[in-house]
Full PDB file with SEQRES, HELIX, SHEET, SSBOND, CRYST1, ORIGX, SCALE, CONECT and MASTER records, all heavy atoms in Angstrom:
SEQRES   1 A   41  ALA PHE ARG GLN MET LYS LYS ASN GLN GLU LYS PHE MET          
SEQRES   2 A   41  LYS ALA PHE LEU GLN ASN ALA LEU PRO MET GLY LEU ALA          
SEQRES   3 A   41  SER HIS ARG ASP GLY CYS PHE ILE ASP VAL ASN ASP ALA          
SEQRES   4 A   41  PHE LEU                                                      
HELIX    1 AA1 PHE A    2  LEU A   17  1                                  16    
SHEET    1 AA1 2 GLY A  24  ALA A  26  0                                        
SHEET    2 AA1 2 PHE A  33  VAL A  36 -1                                        
CRYST1    1.000    1.000    1.000  90.00  90.00  90.00 P 1           1          
ORIGX1      1.000000  0.000000  0.000000        0.00000                         
ORIGX2      0.000000  1.000000  0.000000        0.00000                         
ORIGX3      0.000000  0.000000  1.000000        0.00000                         
SCALE1      1.000000  0.000000  0.000000        0.00000                         
SCALE2      0.000000  1.000000  0.000000        0.00000                         
SCALE3      0.000000  0.000000  1.000000        0.00000                         
ATOM      1  N   ALA A   1     -14.165  21.098   3.698  1.00  0.00           N  
ATOM      2  CA  ALA A   1     -13.726  20.635   2.376  1.00  0.00           C  
ATOM      3  C   ALA A   1     -12.343  20.006   2.454  1.00  0.00           C  
ATOM      4  O   ALA A   1     -12.075  18.975   1.821  1.00  0.00           O  
ATOM      5  CB  ALA A   1     -13.726  21.791   1.385  1.00  0.00           C  
ATOM      6  N   PHE A   2     -11.460  20.603   3.251  1.00  0.00           N  
ATOM      7  CA  PHE A   2     -10.112  20.066   3.415  1.00  0.00           C  
ATOM      8  C   PHE A   2     -10.161  18.697   4.102  1.00  0.00           C  
ATOM      9  O   PHE A   2      -9.478  17.769   3.695  1.00  0.00           O  
ATOM     10  CB  PHE A   2      -9.235  21.037   4.211  1.00  0.00           C  
ATOM     11  CG  PHE A   2      -7.815  20.578   4.329  1.00  0.00           C  
ATOM     12  CD1 PHE A   2      -6.957  20.644   3.241  1.00  0.00           C  
ATOM     13  CD2 PHE A   2      -7.339  20.064   5.524  1.00  0.00           C  
ATOM     14  CE1 PHE A   2      -5.645  20.205   3.341  1.00  0.00           C  
ATOM     15  CE2 PHE A   2      -6.025  19.626   5.634  1.00  0.00           C  
ATOM     16  CZ  PHE A   2      -5.170  19.696   4.530  1.00  0.00           C  
ATOM     17  N   ARG A   3     -10.985  18.570   5.138  1.00  0.00           N  
ATOM     18  CA  ARG A   3     -11.132  17.281   5.827  1.00  0.00           C  
ATOM     19  C   ARG A   3     -11.639  16.212   4.862  1.00  0.00           C  
ATOM     20  O   ARG A   3     -11.169  15.080   4.868  1.00  0.00           O  
ATOM     21  CB  ARG A   3     -12.091  17.412   7.004  1.00  0.00           C  
ATOM     22  CG  ARG A   3     -11.472  18.006   8.222  1.00  0.00           C  
ATOM     23  CD  ARG A   3     -12.395  17.859   9.429  1.00  0.00           C  
ATOM     24  NE  ARG A   3     -11.799  18.502  10.572  1.00  0.00           N  
ATOM     25  CZ  ARG A   3     -12.421  19.375  11.341  1.00  0.00           C  
ATOM     26  NH1 ARG A   3     -13.670  19.698  11.107  1.00  0.00           N  
ATOM     27  NH2 ARG A   3     -11.801  19.921  12.368  1.00  0.00           N  
ATOM     28  N   GLN A   4     -12.618  16.576   4.024  1.00  0.00           N  
ATOM     29  CA  GLN A   4     -13.166  15.628   3.053  1.00  0.00           C  
ATOM     30  C   GLN A   4     -12.098  15.221   2.036  1.00  0.00           C  
ATOM     31  O   GLN A   4     -11.986  14.064   1.667  1.00  0.00           O  
ATOM     32  CB  GLN A   4     -14.393  16.223   2.339  1.00  0.00           C  
ATOM     33  CG  GLN A   4     -15.095  15.250   1.424  1.00  0.00           C  
ATOM     34  CD  GLN A   4     -15.635  14.034   2.155  1.00  0.00           C  
ATOM     35  OE1 GLN A   4     -16.204  14.131   3.241  1.00  0.00           O  
ATOM     36  NE2 GLN A   4     -15.433  12.859   1.578  1.00  0.00           N  
ATOM     37  N   MET A   5     -11.289  16.199   1.603  1.00  0.00           N  
ATOM     38  CA  MET A   5     -10.222  15.913   0.654  1.00  0.00           C  
ATOM     39  C   MET A   5      -9.229  14.925   1.278  1.00  0.00           C  
ATOM     40  O   MET A   5      -8.801  13.962   0.636  1.00  0.00           O  
ATOM     41  CB  MET A   5      -9.500  17.195   0.246  1.00  0.00           C  
ATOM     42  CG  MET A   5      -8.367  16.962  -0.735  1.00  0.00           C  
ATOM     43  SD  MET A   5      -7.358  18.430  -1.014  1.00  0.00           S  
ATOM     44  CE  MET A   5      -6.434  18.509   0.508  1.00  0.00           C  
ATOM     45  N   LYS A   6      -8.849  15.141   2.532  1.00  0.00           N  
ATOM     46  CA  LYS A   6      -7.910  14.250   3.214  1.00  0.00           C  
ATOM     47  C   LYS A   6      -8.494  12.843   3.352  1.00  0.00           C  
ATOM     48  O   LYS A   6      -7.794  11.848   3.187  1.00  0.00           O  
ATOM     49  CB  LYS A   6      -7.539  14.806   4.598  1.00  0.00           C  
ATOM     50  CG  LYS A   6      -6.737  16.081   4.585  1.00  0.00           C  
ATOM     51  CD  LYS A   6      -5.398  15.915   3.920  1.00  0.00           C  
ATOM     52  CE  LYS A   6      -4.479  15.104   4.798  1.00  0.00           C  
ATOM     53  NZ  LYS A   6      -3.166  14.868   4.175  1.00  0.00           N  
ATOM     54  N   LYS A   7      -9.784  12.777   3.650  1.00  0.00           N  
ATOM     55  CA  LYS A   7     -10.460  11.487   3.788  1.00  0.00           C  
ATOM     56  C   LYS A   7     -10.435  10.732   2.453  1.00  0.00           C  
ATOM     57  O   LYS A   7     -10.157   9.530   2.414  1.00  0.00           O  
ATOM     58  CB  LYS A   7     -11.896  11.726   4.249  1.00  0.00           C  
ATOM     59  CG  LYS A   7     -12.620  10.542   4.773  1.00  0.00           C  
ATOM     60  CD  LYS A   7     -14.009  10.986   5.229  1.00  0.00           C  
ATOM     61  CE  LYS A   7     -14.606  10.069   6.233  1.00  0.00           C  
ATOM     62  NZ  LYS A   7     -15.929  10.511   6.661  1.00  0.00           N  
ATOM     63  N   ASN A   8     -10.691  11.445   1.372  1.00  0.00           N  
ATOM     64  CA  ASN A   8     -10.670  10.833   0.050  1.00  0.00           C  
ATOM     65  C   ASN A   8      -9.264  10.372  -0.330  1.00  0.00           C  
ATOM     66  O   ASN A   8      -9.093   9.310  -0.927  1.00  0.00           O  
ATOM     67  CB  ASN A   8     -11.213  11.794  -1.008  1.00  0.00           C  
ATOM     68  CG  ASN A   8     -12.698  12.036  -0.865  1.00  0.00           C  
ATOM     69  OD1 ASN A   8     -13.410  11.256  -0.249  1.00  0.00           O  
ATOM     70  ND2 ASN A   8     -13.169  13.134  -1.419  1.00  0.00           N  
ATOM     71  N   GLN A   9      -8.259  11.176   0.005  1.00  0.00           N  
ATOM     72  CA  GLN A   9      -6.872  10.784  -0.254  1.00  0.00           C  
ATOM     73  C   GLN A   9      -6.525   9.504   0.500  1.00  0.00           C  
ATOM     74  O   GLN A   9      -5.885   8.612  -0.044  1.00  0.00           O  
ATOM     75  CB  GLN A   9      -5.902  11.891   0.180  1.00  0.00           C  
ATOM     76  CG  GLN A   9      -5.793  13.032  -0.767  1.00  0.00           C  
ATOM     77  CD  GLN A   9      -4.825  14.097  -0.243  1.00  0.00           C  
ATOM     78  OE1 GLN A   9      -4.535  14.182   0.947  1.00  0.00           O  
ATOM     79  NE2 GLN A   9      -4.331  14.914  -1.156  1.00  0.00           N  
ATOM     80  N   GLU A  10      -6.950   9.423   1.741  1.00  0.00           N  
ATOM     81  CA  GLU A  10      -6.659   8.243   2.553  1.00  0.00           C  
ATOM     82  C   GLU A  10      -7.326   7.002   1.971  1.00  0.00           C  
ATOM     83  O   GLU A  10      -6.716   5.930   1.894  1.00  0.00           O  
ATOM     84  CB  GLU A  10      -7.138   8.480   3.993  1.00  0.00           C  
ATOM     85  CG  GLU A  10      -6.722   7.386   4.945  1.00  0.00           C  
ATOM     86  CD  GLU A  10      -7.120   7.702   6.384  1.00  0.00           C  
ATOM     87  OE1 GLU A  10      -7.223   8.892   6.738  1.00  0.00           O  
ATOM     88  OE2 GLU A  10      -7.319   6.735   7.138  1.00  0.00           O  
ATOM     89  N   LYS A  11      -8.576   7.133   1.510  1.00  0.00           N  
ATOM     90  CA  LYS A  11      -9.272   6.004   0.880  1.00  0.00           C  
ATOM     91  C   LYS A  11      -8.524   5.542  -0.369  1.00  0.00           C  
ATOM     92  O   LYS A  11      -8.329   4.348  -0.584  1.00  0.00           O  
ATOM     93  CB  LYS A  11     -10.705   6.411   0.483  1.00  0.00           C  
ATOM     94  CG  LYS A  11     -11.675   6.494   1.606  1.00  0.00           C  
ATOM     95  CD  LYS A  11     -13.035   6.899   1.056  1.00  0.00           C  
ATOM     96  CE  LYS A  11     -14.002   7.273   2.135  1.00  0.00           C  
ATOM     97  NZ  LYS A  11     -15.285   7.741   1.586  1.00  0.00           N  
ATOM     98  N   PHE A  12      -8.119   6.500  -1.203  1.00  0.00           N  
ATOM     99  CA  PHE A  12      -7.396   6.164  -2.425  1.00  0.00           C  
ATOM    100  C   PHE A  12      -6.085   5.453  -2.096  1.00  0.00           C  
ATOM    101  O   PHE A  12      -5.756   4.422  -2.689  1.00  0.00           O  
ATOM    102  CB  PHE A  12      -7.116   7.415  -3.261  1.00  0.00           C  
ATOM    103  CG  PHE A  12      -6.233   7.134  -4.447  1.00  0.00           C  
ATOM    104  CD1 PHE A  12      -6.760   6.582  -5.596  1.00  0.00           C  
ATOM    105  CD2 PHE A  12      -4.873   7.414  -4.394  1.00  0.00           C  
ATOM    106  CE1 PHE A  12      -5.946   6.296  -6.684  1.00  0.00           C  
ATOM    107  CE2 PHE A  12      -4.055   7.137  -5.474  1.00  0.00           C  
ATOM    108  CZ  PHE A  12      -4.595   6.583  -6.625  1.00  0.00           C  
ATOM    109  N   MET A  13      -5.340   5.985  -1.136  1.00  0.00           N  
ATOM    110  CA  MET A  13      -4.043   5.398  -0.795  1.00  0.00           C  
ATOM    111  C   MET A  13      -4.203   3.983  -0.241  1.00  0.00           C  
ATOM    112  O   MET A  13      -3.425   3.092  -0.576  1.00  0.00           O  
ATOM    113  CB  MET A  13      -3.277   6.286   0.195  1.00  0.00           C  
ATOM    114  CG  MET A  13      -2.731   7.550  -0.432  1.00  0.00           C  
ATOM    115  SD  MET A  13      -1.738   7.276  -1.925  1.00  0.00           S  
ATOM    116  CE  MET A  13      -0.353   6.376  -1.273  1.00  0.00           C  
ATOM    117  N   LYS A  14      -5.209   3.752   0.577  1.00  0.00           N  
ATOM    118  CA  LYS A  14      -5.439   2.406   1.099  1.00  0.00           C  
ATOM    119  C   LYS A  14      -5.808   1.455  -0.034  1.00  0.00           C  
ATOM    120  O   LYS A  14      -5.277   0.339  -0.105  1.00  0.00           O  
ATOM    121  CB  LYS A  14      -6.541   2.418   2.165  1.00  0.00           C  
ATOM    122  CG  LYS A  14      -6.070   2.916   3.506  1.00  0.00           C  
ATOM    123  CD  LYS A  14      -7.175   2.846   4.533  1.00  0.00           C  
ATOM    124  CE  LYS A  14      -6.672   3.352   5.875  1.00  0.00           C  
ATOM    125  NZ  LYS A  14      -7.708   3.331   6.897  1.00  0.00           N  
ATOM    126  N   ALA A  15      -6.698   1.880  -0.926  1.00  0.00           N  
ATOM    127  CA  ALA A  15      -7.099   1.033  -2.054  1.00  0.00           C  
ATOM    128  C   ALA A  15      -5.909   0.753  -2.962  1.00  0.00           C  
ATOM    129  O   ALA A  15      -5.735  -0.358  -3.462  1.00  0.00           O  
ATOM    130  CB  ALA A  15      -8.226   1.696  -2.840  1.00  0.00           C  
ATOM    131  N   PHE A  16      -5.075   1.746  -3.163  1.00  0.00           N  
ATOM    132  CA  PHE A  16      -3.899   1.618  -4.025  1.00  0.00           C  
ATOM    133  C   PHE A  16      -2.861   0.693  -3.391  1.00  0.00           C  
ATOM    134  O   PHE A  16      -2.431  -0.291  -3.990  1.00  0.00           O  
ATOM    135  CB  PHE A  16      -3.305   3.004  -4.283  1.00  0.00           C  
ATOM    136  CG  PHE A  16      -2.037   3.009  -5.098  1.00  0.00           C  
ATOM    137  CD1 PHE A  16      -2.093   2.929  -6.481  1.00  0.00           C  
ATOM    138  CD2 PHE A  16      -0.800   3.112  -4.488  1.00  0.00           C  
ATOM    139  CE1 PHE A  16      -0.934   2.950  -7.238  1.00  0.00           C  
ATOM    140  CE2 PHE A  16       0.369   3.133  -5.228  1.00  0.00           C  
ATOM    141  CZ  PHE A  16       0.298   3.046  -6.612  1.00  0.00           C  
ATOM    142  N   LEU A  17      -2.456   0.991  -2.189  1.00  0.00           N  
ATOM    143  CA  LEU A  17      -1.363   0.263  -1.556  1.00  0.00           C  
ATOM    144  C   LEU A  17      -1.723  -1.169  -1.176  1.00  0.00           C  
ATOM    145  O   LEU A  17      -0.882  -2.062  -1.227  1.00  0.00           O  
ATOM    146  CB  LEU A  17      -0.861   1.012  -0.314  1.00  0.00           C  
ATOM    147  CG  LEU A  17      -0.187   2.352  -0.607  1.00  0.00           C  
ATOM    148  CD1 LEU A  17       0.102   3.098   0.683  1.00  0.00           C  
ATOM    149  CD2 LEU A  17       1.083   2.160  -1.420  1.00  0.00           C  
ATOM    150  N   GLN A  18      -2.977  -1.418  -0.798  1.00  0.00           N  
ATOM    151  CA  GLN A  18      -3.358  -2.745  -0.320  1.00  0.00           C  
ATOM    152  C   GLN A  18      -3.993  -3.618  -1.396  1.00  0.00           C  
ATOM    153  O   GLN A  18      -4.384  -4.750  -1.107  1.00  0.00           O  
ATOM    154  CB  GLN A  18      -4.293  -2.599   0.877  1.00  0.00           C  
ATOM    155  CG  GLN A  18      -3.612  -1.937   2.048  1.00  0.00           C  
ATOM    156  CD  GLN A  18      -4.543  -1.673   3.214  1.00  0.00           C  
ATOM    157  OE1 GLN A  18      -5.698  -2.056   3.212  1.00  0.00           O  
ATOM    158  NE2 GLN A  18      -4.033  -1.001   4.240  1.00  0.00           N  
ATOM    159  N   ASN A  19      -4.071  -3.128  -2.625  1.00  0.00           N  
ATOM    160  CA  ASN A  19      -4.675  -3.900  -3.710  1.00  0.00           C  
ATOM    161  C   ASN A  19      -3.824  -5.122  -4.023  1.00  0.00           C  
ATOM    162  O   ASN A  19      -2.602  -5.057  -4.025  1.00  0.00           O  
ATOM    163  CB  ASN A  19      -4.819  -3.014  -4.952  1.00  0.00           C  
ATOM    164  CG  ASN A  19      -5.858  -3.545  -5.905  1.00  0.00           C  
ATOM    165  OD1 ASN A  19      -5.817  -4.694  -6.302  1.00  0.00           O  
ATOM    166  ND2 ASN A  19      -6.792  -2.684  -6.254  1.00  0.00           N  
ATOM    167  N   ALA A  20      -4.475  -6.246  -4.322  1.00  0.00           N  
ATOM    168  CA  ALA A  20      -3.757  -7.484  -4.653  1.00  0.00           C  
ATOM    169  C   ALA A  20      -3.202  -7.459  -6.072  1.00  0.00           C  
ATOM    170  O   ALA A  20      -2.312  -8.237  -6.403  1.00  0.00           O  
ATOM    171  CB  ALA A  20      -4.690  -8.678  -4.485  1.00  0.00           C  
ATOM    172  N   LEU A  21      -3.718  -6.574  -6.922  1.00  0.00           N  
ATOM    173  CA  LEU A  21      -3.218  -6.452  -8.289  1.00  0.00           C  
ATOM    174  C   LEU A  21      -2.054  -5.466  -8.329  1.00  0.00           C  
ATOM    175  O   LEU A  21      -2.069  -4.457  -7.627  1.00  0.00           O  
ATOM    176  CB  LEU A  21      -4.329  -5.945  -9.220  1.00  0.00           C  
ATOM    177  CG  LEU A  21      -5.509  -6.879  -9.425  1.00  0.00           C  
ATOM    178  CD1 LEU A  21      -6.600  -6.185 -10.223  1.00  0.00           C  
ATOM    179  CD2 LEU A  21      -5.076  -8.156 -10.105  1.00  0.00           C  
ATOM    180  N   PRO A  22      -1.058  -5.737  -9.168  1.00  0.00           N  
ATOM    181  CA  PRO A  22       0.053  -4.787  -9.299  1.00  0.00           C  
ATOM    182  C   PRO A  22      -0.444  -3.453  -9.842  1.00  0.00           C  
ATOM    183  O   PRO A  22      -1.131  -3.406 -10.866  1.00  0.00           O  
ATOM    184  CB  PRO A  22       0.990  -5.460 -10.303  1.00  0.00           C  
ATOM    185  CG  PRO A  22       0.545  -6.867 -10.403  1.00  0.00           C  
ATOM    186  CD  PRO A  22      -0.885  -6.911 -10.001  1.00  0.00           C  
ATOM    187  N   MET A  23      -0.109  -2.372  -9.134  1.00  0.00           N  
ATOM    188  CA  MET A  23      -0.550  -1.040  -9.522  1.00  0.00           C  
ATOM    189  C   MET A  23       0.611  -0.066  -9.445  1.00  0.00           C  
ATOM    190  O   MET A  23       1.497  -0.208  -8.606  1.00  0.00           O  
ATOM    191  CB  MET A  23      -1.674  -0.548  -8.607  1.00  0.00           C  
ATOM    192  CG  MET A  23      -2.923  -1.379  -8.642  1.00  0.00           C  
ATOM    193  SD  MET A  23      -4.187  -0.761  -7.499  1.00  0.00           S  
ATOM    194  CE  MET A  23      -4.741   0.690  -8.374  1.00  0.00           C  
ATOM    195  N   GLY A  24       0.572   0.931 -10.327  1.00  0.00           N  
ATOM    196  CA  GLY A  24       1.573   1.978 -10.310  1.00  0.00           C  
ATOM    197  C   GLY A  24       0.958   3.313 -10.658  1.00  0.00           C  
ATOM    198  O   GLY A  24      -0.063   3.383 -11.342  1.00  0.00           O  
ATOM    199  N   LEU A  25       1.569   4.361 -10.180  1.00  0.00           N  
ATOM    200  CA  LEU A  25       1.168   5.728 -10.507  1.00  0.00           C  
ATOM    201  C   LEU A  25       2.397   6.390 -11.107  1.00  0.00           C  
ATOM    202  O   LEU A  25       3.458   6.410 -10.485  1.00  0.00           O  
ATOM    203  CB  LEU A  25       0.704   6.481  -9.256  1.00  0.00           C  
ATOM    204  CG  LEU A  25       0.162   7.887  -9.460  1.00  0.00           C  
ATOM    205  CD1 LEU A  25      -1.118   7.858 -10.298  1.00  0.00           C  
ATOM    206  CD2 LEU A  25      -0.106   8.562  -8.120  1.00  0.00           C  
ATOM    207  N   ALA A  26       2.249   6.882 -12.355  1.00  0.00           N  
ATOM    208  CA  ALA A  26       3.385   7.473 -13.061  1.00  0.00           C  
ATOM    209  C   ALA A  26       3.013   8.845 -13.588  1.00  0.00           C  
ATOM    210  O   ALA A  26       1.853   9.107 -13.922  1.00  0.00           O  
ATOM    211  CB  ALA A  26       3.819   6.574 -14.219  1.00  0.00           C  
ATOM    212  N   SER A  27       3.999   9.713 -13.676  1.00  0.00           N  
ATOM    213  CA  SER A  27       3.819  11.024 -14.279  1.00  0.00           C  
ATOM    214  C   SER A  27       3.591  10.829 -15.773  1.00  0.00           C  
ATOM    215  O   SER A  27       4.311  10.072 -16.420  1.00  0.00           O  
ATOM    216  CB  SER A  27       5.068  11.871 -14.046  1.00  0.00           C  
ATOM    217  OG  SER A  27       5.060  13.000 -14.893  1.00  0.00           O  
ATOM    218  N   HIS A  28       2.592  11.496 -16.325  1.00  0.00           N  
ATOM    219  CA  HIS A  28       2.357  11.375 -17.761  1.00  0.00           C  
ATOM    220  C   HIS A  28       3.396  12.170 -18.548  1.00  0.00           C  
ATOM    221  O   HIS A  28       3.738  11.812 -19.665  1.00  0.00           O  
ATOM    222  CB  HIS A  28       0.936  11.829 -18.125  1.00  0.00           C  
ATOM    223  CG  HIS A  28       0.555  11.519 -19.537  1.00  0.00           C  
ATOM    224  ND1 HIS A  28       0.566  10.233 -20.037  1.00  0.00           N  
ATOM    225  CD2 HIS A  28       0.182  12.322 -20.561  1.00  0.00           C  
ATOM    226  CE1 HIS A  28       0.205  10.256 -21.305  1.00  0.00           C  
ATOM    227  NE2 HIS A  28      -0.035  11.504 -21.648  1.00  0.00           N  
ATOM    228  N   ARG A  29       3.913  13.212 -17.948  1.00  0.00           N  
ATOM    229  CA  ARG A  29       4.885  14.076 -18.623  1.00  0.00           C  
ATOM    230  C   ARG A  29       6.148  13.312 -19.012  1.00  0.00           C  
ATOM    231  O   ARG A  29       6.598  13.369 -20.136  1.00  0.00           O  
ATOM    232  CB  ARG A  29       5.229  15.266 -17.718  1.00  0.00           C  
ATOM    233  CG  ARG A  29       6.184  16.281 -18.312  1.00  0.00           C  
ATOM    234  CD  ARG A  29       6.412  17.485 -17.398  1.00  0.00           C  
ATOM    235  NE  ARG A  29       6.398  17.204 -15.984  1.00  0.00           N  
ATOM    236  CZ  ARG A  29       7.445  16.740 -15.287  1.00  0.00           C  
ATOM    237  NH1 ARG A  29       8.586  16.511 -15.868  1.00  0.00           N  
ATOM    238  NH2 ARG A  29       7.335  16.528 -13.985  1.00  0.00           N  
ATOM    239  N   ASP A  30       6.716  12.567 -18.051  1.00  0.00           N  
ATOM    240  CA  ASP A  30       7.983  11.872 -18.338  1.00  0.00           C  
ATOM    241  C   ASP A  30       7.912  10.357 -18.155  1.00  0.00           C  
ATOM    242  O   ASP A  30       8.889   9.661 -18.414  1.00  0.00           O  
ATOM    243  CB  ASP A  30       9.119  12.446 -17.495  1.00  0.00           C  
ATOM    244  CG  ASP A  30       8.877  12.345 -15.997  1.00  0.00           C  
ATOM    245  OD1 ASP A  30       7.938  11.643 -15.568  1.00  0.00           O  
ATOM    246  OD2 ASP A  30       9.640  12.979 -15.240  1.00  0.00           O  
ATOM    247  N   GLY A  31       6.771   9.839 -17.698  1.00  0.00           N  
ATOM    248  CA  GLY A  31       6.609   8.394 -17.550  1.00  0.00           C  
ATOM    249  C   GLY A  31       7.257   7.814 -16.307  1.00  0.00           C  
ATOM    250  O   GLY A  31       7.235   6.598 -16.109  1.00  0.00           O  
ATOM    251  N   CYS A  32       7.821   8.651 -15.444  1.00  0.00           N  
ATOM    252  CA  CYS A  32       8.484   8.150 -14.229  1.00  0.00           C  
ATOM    253  C   CYS A  32       7.444   7.727 -13.189  1.00  0.00           C  
ATOM    254  O   CYS A  32       6.459   8.425 -12.976  1.00  0.00           O  
ATOM    255  CB  CYS A  32       9.394   9.212 -13.621  1.00  0.00           C  
ATOM    256  SG  CYS A  32      10.868   9.509 -14.594  1.00  0.00           S  
ATOM    257  N   PHE A  33       7.709   6.592 -12.560  1.00  0.00           N  
ATOM    258  CA  PHE A  33       6.831   6.126 -11.500  1.00  0.00           C  
ATOM    259  C   PHE A  33       6.928   7.060 -10.300  1.00  0.00           C  
ATOM    260  O   PHE A  33       8.015   7.425  -9.871  1.00  0.00           O  
ATOM    261  CB  PHE A  33       7.205   4.710 -11.049  1.00  0.00           C  
ATOM    262  CG  PHE A  33       6.718   3.634 -11.977  1.00  0.00           C  
ATOM    263  CD1 PHE A  33       7.598   2.982 -12.813  1.00  0.00           C  
ATOM    264  CD2 PHE A  33       5.386   3.274 -11.999  1.00  0.00           C  
ATOM    265  CE1 PHE A  33       7.162   1.982 -13.661  1.00  0.00           C  
ATOM    266  CE2 PHE A  33       4.923   2.283 -12.849  1.00  0.00           C  
ATOM    267  CZ  PHE A  33       5.820   1.633 -13.688  1.00  0.00           C  
ATOM    268  N   ILE A  34       5.771   7.432  -9.768  1.00  0.00           N  
ATOM    269  CA  ILE A  34       5.673   8.218  -8.541  1.00  0.00           C  
ATOM    270  C   ILE A  34       5.591   7.257  -7.360  1.00  0.00           C  
ATOM    271  O   ILE A  34       6.197   7.469  -6.325  1.00  0.00           O  
ATOM    272  CB  ILE A  34       4.412   9.122  -8.556  1.00  0.00           C  
ATOM    273  CG1 ILE A  34       4.379  10.000  -9.797  1.00  0.00           C  
ATOM    274  CG2 ILE A  34       4.296   9.930  -7.285  1.00  0.00           C  
ATOM    275  CD1 ILE A  34       5.546  10.924  -9.955  1.00  0.00           C  
ATOM    276  N   ASP A  35       4.827   6.175  -7.546  1.00  0.00           N  
ATOM    277  CA  ASP A  35       4.678   5.163  -6.505  1.00  0.00           C  
ATOM    278  C   ASP A  35       4.154   3.883  -7.134  1.00  0.00           C  
ATOM    279  O   ASP A  35       3.558   3.905  -8.216  1.00  0.00           O  
ATOM    280  CB  ASP A  35       3.715   5.649  -5.413  1.00  0.00           C  
ATOM    281  CG  ASP A  35       3.915   4.934  -4.078  1.00  0.00           C  
ATOM    282  OD1 ASP A  35       4.784   4.025  -3.987  1.00  0.00           O  
ATOM    283  OD2 ASP A  35       3.209   5.277  -3.121  1.00  0.00           O  
ATOM    284  N   VAL A  36       4.387   2.763  -6.462  1.00  0.00           N  
ATOM    285  CA  VAL A  36       3.838   1.460  -6.843  1.00  0.00           C  
ATOM    286  C   VAL A  36       3.392   0.764  -5.565  1.00  0.00           C  
ATOM    287  O   VAL A  36       3.855   1.097  -4.478  1.00  0.00           O  
ATOM    288  CB  VAL A  36       4.874   0.586  -7.592  1.00  0.00           C  
ATOM    289  CG1 VAL A  36       5.210   1.175  -8.948  1.00  0.00           C  
ATOM    290  CG2 VAL A  36       6.132   0.380  -6.768  1.00  0.00           C  
ATOM    291  N   ASN A  37       2.493  -0.202  -5.713  1.00  0.00           N  
ATOM    292  CA  ASN A  37       2.039  -0.898  -4.509  1.00  0.00           C  
ATOM    293  C   ASN A  37       2.894  -2.135  -4.243  1.00  0.00           C  
ATOM    294  O   ASN A  37       3.771  -2.502  -5.042  1.00  0.00           O  
ATOM    295  CB  ASN A  37       0.540  -1.229  -4.592  1.00  0.00           C  
ATOM    296  CG  ASN A  37       0.198  -2.255  -5.651  1.00  0.00           C  
ATOM    297  OD1 ASN A  37       1.042  -2.732  -6.408  1.00  0.00           O  
ATOM    298  ND2 ASN A  37      -1.077  -2.594  -5.727  1.00  0.00           N  
ATOM    299  N   ASP A  38       2.649  -2.775  -3.117  1.00  0.00           N  
ATOM    300  CA  ASP A  38       3.442  -3.939  -2.710  1.00  0.00           C  
ATOM    301  C   ASP A  38       3.276  -5.108  -3.676  1.00  0.00           C  
ATOM    302  O   ASP A  38       4.222  -5.863  -3.899  1.00  0.00           O  
ATOM    303  CB  ASP A  38       3.072  -4.375  -1.288  1.00  0.00           C  
ATOM    304  CG  ASP A  38       3.545  -3.374  -0.243  1.00  0.00           C  
ATOM    305  OD1 ASP A  38       4.432  -2.547  -0.561  1.00  0.00           O  
ATOM    306  OD2 ASP A  38       3.026  -3.408   0.888  1.00  0.00           O  
ATOM    307  N   ALA A  39       2.085  -5.277  -4.262  1.00  0.00           N  
ATOM    308  CA  ALA A  39       1.867  -6.361  -5.222  1.00  0.00           C  
ATOM    309  C   ALA A  39       2.774  -6.173  -6.443  1.00  0.00           C  
ATOM    310  O   ALA A  39       3.344  -7.143  -6.957  1.00  0.00           O  
ATOM    311  CB  ALA A  39       0.402  -6.413  -5.646  1.00  0.00           C  
ATOM    312  N   PHE A  40       2.941  -4.947  -6.888  1.00  0.00           N  
ATOM    313  CA  PHE A  40       3.844  -4.649  -8.005  1.00  0.00           C  
ATOM    314  C   PHE A  40       5.264  -5.082  -7.656  1.00  0.00           C  
ATOM    315  O   PHE A  40       5.948  -5.738  -8.445  1.00  0.00           O  
ATOM    316  CB  PHE A  40       3.801  -3.150  -8.317  1.00  0.00           C  
ATOM    317  CG  PHE A  40       4.686  -2.718  -9.457  1.00  0.00           C  
ATOM    318  CD1 PHE A  40       4.145  -2.452 -10.699  1.00  0.00           C  
ATOM    319  CD2 PHE A  40       6.056  -2.569  -9.287  1.00  0.00           C  
ATOM    320  CE1 PHE A  40       4.960  -2.053 -11.757  1.00  0.00           C  
ATOM    321  CE2 PHE A  40       6.879  -2.175 -10.329  1.00  0.00           C  
ATOM    322  CZ  PHE A  40       6.323  -1.912 -11.576  1.00  0.00           C  
ATOM    323  N   LEU A  41       5.708  -4.734  -6.461  1.00  0.00           N  
ATOM    324  CA  LEU A  41       7.072  -5.059  -6.027  1.00  0.00           C  
ATOM    325  C   LEU A  41       7.254  -6.564  -5.870  1.00  0.00           C  
ATOM    326  O   LEU A  41       8.267  -7.127  -6.304  1.00  0.00           O  
ATOM    327  CB  LEU A  41       7.393  -4.338  -4.716  1.00  0.00           C  
ATOM    328  CG  LEU A  41       7.343  -2.811  -4.772  1.00  0.00           C  
ATOM    329  CD1 LEU A  41       7.495  -2.217  -3.386  1.00  0.00           C  
ATOM    330  CD2 LEU A  41       8.380  -2.258  -5.737  1.00  0.00           C  
TER     331      LEU A  41                                                      
MASTER        0    0    0    1    2    0    0    6  330    1    0    4          
END                                                                             
């Protein structure tokens, strides 16, 4: 289960970071960005 979780995390991170569209991940509690992809930057 842990290996599968890591595999899923890696897929998400690749899709997030390498996406051509600007993307960001922010905390809903305070609205602070946790991470953004290169297209956003």
